[in-house]
Amino acid sequence: MTKESSQNEEQKNSGTPVYVKYIGLSFQLFGVIGGGTYIGWLIQEQSNIKFPVWLLLFCFLSIGIAFYQLWNSMKQDG
């Protein structure tokens, strides 16, 4: 048996479809990006800077973290 066929058999035996994992991953990405943006917005409200530097910083930082999590998840799947 090849590696792919053994993985396919494991997926069939687990009883849950593969797309369920990716639906959960999409909610996780949404949560990380939304949470980071919200934290940036809170910090921006407390500062007296007119340019939204904290909002942009935390937004892009959370996007980077979310894509890193996505990359790790895809790497584990093979």
PDB file of N, CA and C in Angstrom:
ATOM      1  N   MET A   1       0.835  -1.185   0.000  1.00  0.00           N
ATOM      2  CA  MET A   1       0.000   0.000   0.000  1.00  0.00           C
ATOM      3  C   MET A   1       0.875   1.243   0.000  1.00  0.00           C
ATOM      4  N   THR A   2       0.420   2.221  -0.733  1.00  0.00           N
ATOM      5  CA  THR A   2       1.153   3.478  -0.755  1.00  0.00           C
ATOM      6  C   THR A   2       0.681   4.366   0.380  1.00  0.00           C
ATOM      7  N   LYS A   3       1.413   5.443   0.567  1.00  0.00           N
ATOM      8  CA  LYS A   3       1.082   6.372   1.644  1.00  0.00           C
ATOM      9  C   LYS A   3      -0.278   7.028   1.422  1.00  0.00           C
ATOM     10  N   GLU A   4      -0.587   7.377   0.160  1.00  0.00           N
ATOM     11  CA  GLU A   4      -1.860   8.028  -0.144  1.00  0.00           C
ATOM     12  C   GLU A   4      -3.042   7.099   0.120  1.00  0.00           C
ATOM     13  N   SER A   5      -2.909   5.851  -0.259  1.00  0.00           N
ATOM     14  CA  SER A   5      -4.026   4.928  -0.070  1.00  0.00           C
ATOM     15  C   SER A   5      -4.260   4.654   1.415  1.00  0.00           C
ATOM     16  N   SER A   6      -3.196   4.602   2.209  1.00  0.00           N
ATOM     17  CA  SER A   6      -3.386   4.390   3.639  1.00  0.00           C
ATOM     18  C   SER A   6      -4.027   5.615   4.285  1.00  0.00           C
ATOM     19  N   GLN A   7      -3.695   6.832   3.798  1.00  0.00           N
ATOM     20  CA  GLN A   7      -4.326   8.040   4.322  1.00  0.00           C
ATOM     21  C   GLN A   7      -5.796   8.084   3.931  1.00  0.00           C
ATOM     22  N   ASN A   8      -6.122   7.670   2.716  1.00  0.00           N
ATOM     23  CA  ASN A   8      -7.516   7.643   2.286  1.00  0.00           C
ATOM     24  C   ASN A   8      -8.334   6.672   3.121  1.00  0.00           C
ATOM     25  N   GLU A   9      -7.745   5.517   3.457  1.00  0.00           N
ATOM     26  CA  GLU A   9      -8.443   4.547   4.286  1.00  0.00           C
ATOM     27  C   GLU A   9      -8.657   5.084   5.693  1.00  0.00           C
ATOM     28  N   GLU A  10      -7.675   5.829   6.222  1.00  0.00           N
ATOM     29  CA  GLU A  10      -7.829   6.418   7.551  1.00  0.00           C
ATOM     30  C   GLU A  10      -8.954   7.441   7.545  1.00  0.00           C
ATOM     31  N   GLN A  11      -9.073   8.223   6.472  1.00  0.00           N
ATOM     32  CA  GLN A  11     -10.126   9.217   6.385  1.00  0.00           C
ATOM     33  C   GLN A  11     -11.494   8.547   6.275  1.00  0.00           C
ATOM     34  N   LYS A  12     -11.569   7.457   5.541  1.00  0.00           N
ATOM     35  CA  LYS A  12     -12.836   6.737   5.422  1.00  0.00           C
ATOM     36  C   LYS A  12     -13.228   6.118   6.751  1.00  0.00           C
ATOM     37  N   ASN A  13     -12.261   5.621   7.504  1.00  0.00           N
ATOM     38  CA  ASN A  13     -12.540   4.975   8.771  1.00  0.00           C
ATOM     39  C   ASN A  13     -12.867   5.972   9.873  1.00  0.00           C
ATOM     40  N   SER A  14     -12.405   7.223   9.740  1.00  0.00           N
ATOM     41  CA  SER A  14     -12.640   8.191  10.808  1.00  0.00           C
ATOM     42  C   SER A  14     -14.098   8.607  10.882  1.00  0.00           C
ATOM     43  N   GLY A  15     -14.824   8.570   9.775  1.00  0.00           N
ATOM     44  CA  GLY A  15     -16.232   8.880   9.785  1.00  0.00           C
ATOM     45  C   GLY A  15     -16.555  10.346   9.555  1.00  0.00           C
ATOM     46  N   THR A  16     -15.587  11.228   9.661  1.00  0.00           N
ATOM     47  CA  THR A  16     -15.839  12.649   9.417  1.00  0.00           C
ATOM     48  C   THR A  16     -15.239  13.041   8.079  1.00  0.00           C
ATOM     49  N   PRO A  17     -15.969  13.813   7.293  1.00  0.00           N
ATOM     50  CA  PRO A  17     -15.452  14.250   5.994  1.00  0.00           C
ATOM     51  C   PRO A  17     -14.278  15.219   6.172  1.00  0.00           C
ATOM     52  N   VAL A  18     -13.451  15.305   5.163  1.00  0.00           N
ATOM     53  CA  VAL A  18     -12.259  16.135   5.212  1.00  0.00           C
ATOM     54  C   VAL A  18     -12.629  17.609   5.274  1.00  0.00           C
ATOM     55  N   TYR A  19     -13.715  17.986   4.611  1.00  0.00           N
ATOM     56  CA  TYR A  19     -14.069  19.403   4.554  1.00  0.00           C
ATOM     57  C   TYR A  19     -14.453  19.974   5.926  1.00  0.00           C
ATOM     58  N   VAL A  20     -14.808  19.124   6.878  1.00  0.00           N
ATOM     59  CA  VAL A  20     -15.155  19.603   8.213  1.00  0.00           C
ATOM     60  C   VAL A  20     -13.946  20.244   8.873  1.00  0.00           C
ATOM     61  N   LYS A  21     -12.772  19.673   8.649  1.00  0.00           N
ATOM     62  CA  LYS A  21     -11.544  20.238   9.215  1.00  0.00           C
ATOM     63  C   LYS A  21     -11.301  21.630   8.654  1.00  0.00           C
ATOM     64  N   TYR A  22     -11.532  21.811   7.365  1.00  0.00           N
ATOM     65  CA  TYR A  22     -11.255  23.099   6.741  1.00  0.00           C
ATOM     66  C   TYR A  22     -12.315  24.142   7.071  1.00  0.00           C
ATOM     67  N   ILE A  23     -13.535  23.717   7.364  1.00  0.00           N
ATOM     68  CA  ILE A  23     -14.544  24.662   7.830  1.00  0.00           C
ATOM     69  C   ILE A  23     -14.136  25.190   9.204  1.00  0.00           C
ATOM     70  N   GLY A  24     -13.680  24.316  10.064  1.00  0.00           N
ATOM     71  CA  GLY A  24     -13.196  24.742  11.377  1.00  0.00           C
ATOM     72  C   GLY A  24     -11.988  25.655  11.262  1.00  0.00           C
ATOM     73  N   LEU A  25     -11.118  25.352  10.319  1.00  0.00           N
ATOM     74  CA  LEU A  25      -9.939  26.182  10.105  1.00  0.00           C
ATOM     75  C   LEU A  25     -10.329  27.571   9.623  1.00  0.00           C
ATOM     76  N   SER A  26     -11.367  27.670   8.801  1.00  0.00           N
ATOM     77  CA  SER A  26     -11.810  28.986   8.330  1.00  0.00           C
ATOM     78  C   SER A  26     -12.343  29.830   9.485  1.00  0.00           C
ATOM     79  N   PHE A  27     -13.074  29.225  10.408  1.00  0.00           N
ATOM     80  CA  PHE A  27     -13.540  29.964  11.578  1.00  0.00           C
ATOM     81  C   PHE A  27     -12.374  30.383  12.469  1.00  0.00           C
ATOM     82  N   GLN A  28     -11.364  29.533  12.558  1.00  0.00           N
ATOM     83  CA  GLN A  28     -10.182  29.872  13.344  1.00  0.00           C
ATOM     84  C   GLN A  28      -9.459  31.065  12.728  1.00  0.00           C
ATOM     85  N   LEU A  29      -9.300  31.073  11.413  1.00  0.00           N
ATOM     86  CA  LEU A  29      -8.648  32.200  10.742  1.00  0.00           C
ATOM     87  C   LEU A  29      -9.454  33.477  10.935  1.00  0.00           C
ATOM     88  N   PHE A  30     -10.772  33.380  10.799  1.00  0.00           N
ATOM     89  CA  PHE A  30     -11.632  34.533  11.006  1.00  0.00           C
ATOM     90  C   PHE A  30     -11.491  35.073  12.431  1.00  0.00           C
ATOM     91  N   GLY A  31     -11.413  34.196  13.401  1.00  0.00           N
ATOM     92  CA  GLY A  31     -11.279  34.601  14.798  1.00  0.00           C
ATOM     93  C   GLY A  31      -9.956  35.282  15.083  1.00  0.00           C
ATOM     94  N   VAL A  32      -8.876  34.749  14.535  1.00  0.00           N
ATOM     95  CA  VAL A  32      -7.552  35.340  14.761  1.00  0.00           C
ATOM     96  C   VAL A  32      -7.469  36.727  14.131  1.00  0.00           C
ATOM     97  N   ILE A  33      -7.921  36.848  12.886  1.00  0.00           N
ATOM     98  CA  ILE A  33      -7.857  38.150  12.205  1.00  0.00           C
ATOM     99  C   ILE A  33      -8.801  39.143  12.878  1.00  0.00           C
ATOM    100  N   GLY A  34      -9.994  38.721  13.209  1.00  0.00           N
ATOM    101  CA  GLY A  34     -10.943  39.604  13.883  1.00  0.00           C
ATOM    102  C   GLY A  34     -10.468  40.027  15.262  1.00  0.00           C
ATOM    103  N   GLY A  35      -9.907  39.093  16.005  1.00  0.00           N
ATOM    104  CA  GLY A  35      -9.393  39.417  17.340  1.00  0.00           C
ATOM    105  C   GLY A  35      -8.223  40.384  17.294  1.00  0.00           C
ATOM    106  N   GLY A  36      -7.302  40.152  16.375  1.00  0.00           N
ATOM    107  CA  GLY A  36      -6.159  41.058  16.238  1.00  0.00           C
ATOM    108  C   GLY A  36      -6.575  42.451  15.815  1.00  0.00           C
ATOM    109  N   THR A  37      -7.535  42.530  14.914  1.00  0.00           N
ATOM    110  CA  THR A  37      -8.034  43.836  14.470  1.00  0.00           C
ATOM    111  C   THR A  37      -8.757  44.547  15.605  1.00  0.00           C
ATOM    112  N   TYR A  38      -9.505  43.821  16.393  1.00  0.00           N
ATOM    113  CA  TYR A  38     -10.214  44.418  17.524  1.00  0.00           C
ATOM    114  C   TYR A  38      -9.230  44.951  18.569  1.00  0.00           C
ATOM    115  N   ILE A  39      -8.190  44.197  18.858  1.00  0.00           N
ATOM    116  CA  ILE A  39      -7.174  44.654  19.808  1.00  0.00           C
ATOM    117  C   ILE A  39      -6.495  45.917  19.285  1.00  0.00           C
ATOM    118  N   GLY A  40      -6.194  45.939  18.005  1.00  0.00           N
ATOM    119  CA  GLY A  40      -5.610  47.130  17.398  1.00  0.00           C
ATOM    120  C   GLY A  40      -6.539  48.323  17.485  1.00  0.00           C
ATOM    121  N   TRP A  41      -7.828  48.088  17.287  1.00  0.00           N
ATOM    122  CA  TRP A  41      -8.806  49.165  17.383  1.00  0.00           C
ATOM    123  C   TRP A  41      -8.887  49.705  18.811  1.00  0.00           C
ATOM    124  N   LEU A  42      -8.861  48.797  19.813  1.00  0.00           N
ATOM    125  CA  LEU A  42      -8.900  49.238  21.210  1.00  0.00           C
ATOM    126  C   LEU A  42      -7.687  50.085  21.556  1.00  0.00           C
ATOM    127  N   ILE A  43      -6.512  49.653  21.143  1.00  0.00           N
ATOM    128  CA  ILE A  43      -5.293  50.411  21.421  1.00  0.00           C
ATOM    129  C   ILE A  43      -5.322  51.747  20.698  1.00  0.00           C
ATOM    130  N   GLN A  44      -5.824  51.751  19.472  1.00  0.00           N
ATOM    131  CA  GLN A  44      -5.908  52.989  18.695  1.00  0.00           C
ATOM    132  C   GLN A  44      -6.842  54.000  19.364  1.00  0.00           C
ATOM    133  N   GLU A  45      -7.932  53.520  19.934  1.00  0.00           N
ATOM    134  CA  GLU A  45      -8.860  54.409  20.624  1.00  0.00           C
ATOM    135  C   GLU A  45      -8.213  55.058  21.846  1.00  0.00           C
ATOM    136  N   GLN A  46      -7.298  54.346  22.515  1.00  0.00           N
ATOM    137  CA  GLN A  46      -6.643  54.879  23.705  1.00  0.00           C
ATOM    138  C   GLN A  46      -5.528  55.861  23.371  1.00  0.00           C
ATOM    139  N   SER A  47      -4.953  55.737  22.180  1.00  0.00           N
ATOM    140  CA  SER A  47      -3.857  56.637  21.800  1.00  0.00           C
ATOM    141  C   SER A  47      -4.423  57.907  21.177  1.00  0.00           C
ATOM    142  N   ASN A  48      -3.608  58.919  21.104  1.00  0.00           N
ATOM    143  CA  ASN A  48      -4.029  60.195  20.537  1.00  0.00           C
ATOM    144  C   ASN A  48      -3.478  60.407  19.138  1.00  0.00           C
ATOM    145  N   ILE A  49      -3.106  59.336  18.463  1.00  0.00           N
ATOM    146  CA  ILE A  49      -2.549  59.431  17.121  1.00  0.00           C
ATOM    147  C   ILE A  49      -3.703  59.426  16.115  1.00  0.00           C
ATOM    148  N   LYS A  50      -3.695  60.383  15.191  1.00  0.00           N
ATOM    149  CA  LYS A  50      -4.777  60.455  14.201  1.00  0.00           C
ATOM    150  C   LYS A  50      -4.652  59.369  13.139  1.00  0.00           C
ATOM    151  N   PHE A  51      -3.417  59.041  12.727  1.00  0.00           N
ATOM    152  CA  PHE A  51      -3.217  57.972  11.747  1.00  0.00           C
ATOM    153  C   PHE A  51      -3.402  56.624  12.449  1.00  0.00           C
ATOM    154  N   PRO A  52      -4.190  55.705  11.901  1.00  0.00           N
ATOM    155  CA  PRO A  52      -4.501  54.435  12.590  1.00  0.00           C
ATOM    156  C   PRO A  52      -3.347  53.427  12.556  1.00  0.00           C
ATOM    157  N   VAL A  53      -2.225  53.800  13.127  1.00  0.00           N
ATOM    158  CA  VAL A  53      -1.039  52.944  13.074  1.00  0.00           C
ATOM    159  C   VAL A  53      -1.233  51.650  13.857  1.00  0.00           C
ATOM    160  N   TRP A  54      -1.857  51.704  15.023  1.00  0.00           N
ATOM    161  CA  TRP A  54      -2.039  50.495  15.835  1.00  0.00           C
ATOM    162  C   TRP A  54      -3.047  49.551  15.195  1.00  0.00           C
ATOM    163  N   LEU A  55      -4.082  50.118  14.633  1.00  0.00           N
ATOM    164  CA  LEU A  55      -5.084  49.299  13.955  1.00  0.00           C
ATOM    165  C   LEU A  55      -4.463  48.555  12.777  1.00  0.00           C
ATOM    166  N   LEU A  56      -3.699  49.264  11.968  1.00  0.00           N
ATOM    167  CA  LEU A  56      -3.048  48.630  10.818  1.00  0.00           C
ATOM    168  C   LEU A  56      -2.005  47.607  11.253  1.00  0.00           C
ATOM    169  N   LEU A  57      -1.235  47.931  12.277  1.00  0.00           N
ATOM    170  CA  LEU A  57      -0.191  47.025  12.755  1.00  0.00           C
ATOM    171  C   LEU A  57      -0.783  45.708  13.234  1.00  0.00           C
ATOM    172  N   PHE A  58      -1.788  45.795  14.090  1.00  0.00           N
ATOM    173  CA  PHE A  58      -2.372  44.566  14.615  1.00  0.00           C
ATOM    174  C   PHE A  58      -3.182  43.809  13.565  1.00  0.00           C
ATOM    175  N   CYS A  59      -3.777  44.525  12.637  1.00  0.00           N
ATOM    176  CA  CYS A  59      -4.508  43.866  11.553  1.00  0.00           C
ATOM    177  C   CYS A  59      -3.557  43.030  10.700  1.00  0.00           C
ATOM    178  N   PHE A  60      -2.462  43.638  10.256  1.00  0.00           N
ATOM    179  CA  PHE A  60      -1.519  42.899   9.413  1.00  0.00           C
ATOM    180  C   PHE A  60      -0.772  41.822  10.193  1.00  0.00           C
ATOM    181  N   LEU A  61      -0.500  42.072  11.463  1.00  0.00           N
ATOM    182  CA  LEU A  61       0.144  41.055  12.293  1.00  0.00           C
ATOM    183  C   LEU A  61      -0.766  39.838  12.457  1.00  0.00           C
ATOM    184  N   SER A  62      -2.048  40.076  12.689  1.00  0.00           N
ATOM    185  CA  SER A  62      -2.974  38.954  12.846  1.00  0.00           C
ATOM    186  C   SER A  62      -3.177  38.200  11.530  1.00  0.00           C
ATOM    187  N   ILE A  63      -3.136  38.898  10.408  1.00  0.00           N
ATOM    188  CA  ILE A  63      -3.217  38.211   9.115  1.00  0.00           C
ATOM    189  C   ILE A  63      -2.002  37.310   8.919  1.00  0.00           C
ATOM    190  N   GLY A  64      -0.831  37.797   9.295  1.00  0.00           N
ATOM    191  CA  GLY A  64       0.381  36.981   9.203  1.00  0.00           C
ATOM    192  C   GLY A  64       0.300  35.751  10.084  1.00  0.00           C
ATOM    193  N   ILE A  65      -0.195  35.911  11.302  1.00  0.00           N
ATOM    194  CA  ILE A  65      -0.346  34.770  12.213  1.00  0.00           C
ATOM    195  C   ILE A  65      -1.359  33.767  11.659  1.00  0.00           C
ATOM    196  N   ALA A  66      -2.445  34.266  11.107  1.00  0.00           N
ATOM    197  CA  ALA A  66      -3.481  33.380  10.562  1.00  0.00           C
ATOM    198  C   ALA A  66      -2.942  32.577   9.379  1.00  0.00           C
ATOM    199  N   PHE A  67      -2.196  33.218   8.495  1.00  0.00           N
ATOM    200  CA  PHE A  67      -1.641  32.476   7.358  1.00  0.00           C
ATOM    201  C   PHE A  67      -0.549  31.505   7.791  1.00  0.00           C
ATOM    202  N   TYR A  68       0.174  31.837   8.858  1.00  0.00           N
ATOM    203  CA  TYR A  68       1.154  30.895   9.391  1.00  0.00           C
ATOM    204  C   TYR A  68       0.450  29.649   9.930  1.00  0.00           C
ATOM    205  N   GLN A  69      -0.667  29.843  10.628  1.00  0.00           N
ATOM    206  CA  GLN A  69      -1.441  28.691  11.112  1.00  0.00           C
ATOM    207  C   GLN A  69      -1.976  27.863   9.953  1.00  0.00           C
ATOM    208  N   LEU A  70      -2.442  28.529   8.916  1.00  0.00           N
ATOM    209  CA  LEU A  70      -2.936  27.826   7.729  1.00  0.00           C
ATOM    210  C   LEU A  70      -1.826  27.024   7.074  1.00  0.00           C
ATOM    211  N   TRP A  71      -0.656  27.611   6.957  1.00  0.00           N
ATOM    212  CA  TRP A  71       0.486  26.931   6.346  1.00  0.00           C
ATOM    213  C   TRP A  71       0.885  25.703   7.157  1.00  0.00           C
ATOM    214  N   ASN A  72       0.922  25.833   8.486  1.00  0.00           N
ATOM    215  CA  ASN A  72       1.257  24.688   9.323  1.00  0.00           C
ATOM    216  C   ASN A  72       0.223  23.574   9.193  1.00  0.00           C
ATOM    217  N   SER A  73      -1.038  23.941   9.113  1.00  0.00           N
ATOM    218  CA  SER A  73      -2.089  22.941   8.970  1.00  0.00           C
ATOM    219  C   SER A  73      -1.980  22.214   7.636  1.00  0.00           C
ATOM    220  N   MET A  74      -1.719  22.963   6.572  1.00  0.00           N
ATOM    221  CA  MET A  74      -1.579  22.344   5.254  1.00  0.00           C
ATOM    222  C   MET A  74      -0.321  21.491   5.164  1.00  0.00           C
ATOM    223  N   LYS A  75       0.733  21.903   5.841  1.00  0.00           N
ATOM    224  CA  LYS A  75       1.975  21.139   5.849  1.00  0.00           C
ATOM    225  C   LYS A  75       1.787  19.801   6.560  1.00  0.00           C
ATOM    226  N   GLN A  76       0.991  19.777   7.625  1.00  0.00           N
ATOM    227  CA  GLN A  76       0.750  18.532   8.348  1.00  0.00           C
ATOM    228  C   GLN A  76      -0.074  17.557   7.513  1.00  0.00           C
ATOM    229  N   ASP A  77      -0.951  18.086   6.661  1.00  0.00           N
ATOM    230  CA  ASP A  77      -1.772  17.229   5.815  1.00  0.00           C
ATOM    231  C   ASP A  77      -0.968  16.568   4.697  1.00  0.00           C
ATOM    232  N   GLY A  78       0.139  17.176   4.364  1.00  0.00           N
ATOM    233  CA  GLY A  78       0.971  16.591   3.325  1.00  0.00           C
ATOM    234  C   GLY A  78       0.687  17.189   2.045  1.00  0.00           C
TER     235      GLY A  78
END
